[in-house]
Protein backbone atom coordinates (compact mmCIF):
# COMPACT_ATOMS: atom_id res chain seq x y z
CA MET A 1 -24.22 118.95 9.75
CA ARG A 2 -21.80 121.36 11.32
CA ILE A 3 -19.17 120.37 8.75
CA VAL A 4 -21.51 121.14 5.85
CA VAL A 5 -22.45 124.53 7.30
CA ASN A 6 -18.84 125.42 8.12
CA LEU A 7 -17.75 124.48 4.61
CA THR A 8 -20.52 126.67 3.18
CA LEU A 9 -19.52 129.56 5.44
CA ASN A 10 -15.89 129.24 4.40
CA VAL A 11 -16.64 129.09 0.68
CA ILE A 12 -18.94 132.12 0.86
CA SER A 13 -16.54 134.10 3.05
CA GLN A 14 -13.85 133.82 0.38
CA GLY A 15 -16.03 136.10 -1.75
CA ASN A 16 -15.20 134.35 -5.02
CA LEU A 17 -18.74 133.21 -5.79
CA PRO A 18 -21.25 135.37 -7.60
CA TYR A 19 -24.12 136.38 -5.33
CA VAL A 20 -26.64 134.08 -7.04
CA GLU A 21 -24.36 131.06 -6.68
CA ALA A 22 -23.85 131.85 -3.01
CA LEU A 23 -27.64 131.95 -2.54
CA GLU A 24 -27.91 128.58 -4.28
CA LEU A 25 -25.22 127.18 -1.99
CA VAL A 26 -27.14 128.38 1.07
CA ALA A 27 -30.33 126.78 -0.27
CA ALA A 28 -28.49 123.53 -1.00
CA THR A 29 -27.08 123.52 2.52
CA ARG A 30 -30.59 123.80 3.94
CA ARG A 31 -31.79 120.96 1.69
CA VAL A 32 -28.94 118.72 2.89
CA ALA A 33 -29.72 119.57 6.50
CA LEU A 34 -33.37 118.67 6.06
CA GLN A 35 -32.49 115.45 4.26
CA LEU A 36 -30.24 114.43 7.14
CA PHE A 37 -32.62 115.65 9.86
CA PRO A 38 -36.13 116.02 8.38
CA ASP A 39 -37.76 116.97 11.68
CA LYS A 40 -35.20 119.66 12.57
CA ALA A 41 -36.16 122.51 10.21
CA GLU A 42 -36.88 124.85 13.12
CA THR A 43 -33.53 124.06 14.70
CA TYR A 44 -31.75 124.78 11.41
CA ASP A 45 -33.63 128.06 11.08
CA LEU A 46 -32.66 129.08 14.63
CA ILE A 47 -29.01 128.04 14.62
CA TYR A 48 -27.61 127.94 11.10
CA ALA A 49 -29.77 130.27 9.01
CA PRO A 50 -28.70 133.39 10.95
CA LYS A 51 -25.02 132.51 10.53
CA LEU A 52 -25.46 132.04 6.79
CA ALA A 53 -27.49 135.25 6.49
CA ARG A 54 -24.83 137.18 8.39
CA ILE A 55 -22.00 135.99 6.14
CA MET A 56 -24.08 136.83 3.06
CA ARG A 57 -24.61 140.37 4.39
CA GLU A 58 -20.94 140.78 5.22
CA VAL A 59 -19.57 139.47 1.93
CA TYR A 60 -22.17 140.80 -0.49
CA ARG A 61 -23.23 143.92 1.43
CA VAL A 62 -26.94 143.17 1.12
CA GLN A 63 -29.66 143.85 3.66
């Protein structure tokens, strides 16, 4: 799971994706996480969602 999230963070941090595609990538990452670990949605939301939200704010300057 960490590899998937790190890959997503790296792709988004490059800043080459349009904002909407980056959002779709974040959503796809969450779907993969829940497919791999269906009972760990809360853990994902506590650990990985804030990291992804932070990189989205930094790269796309959104609140």
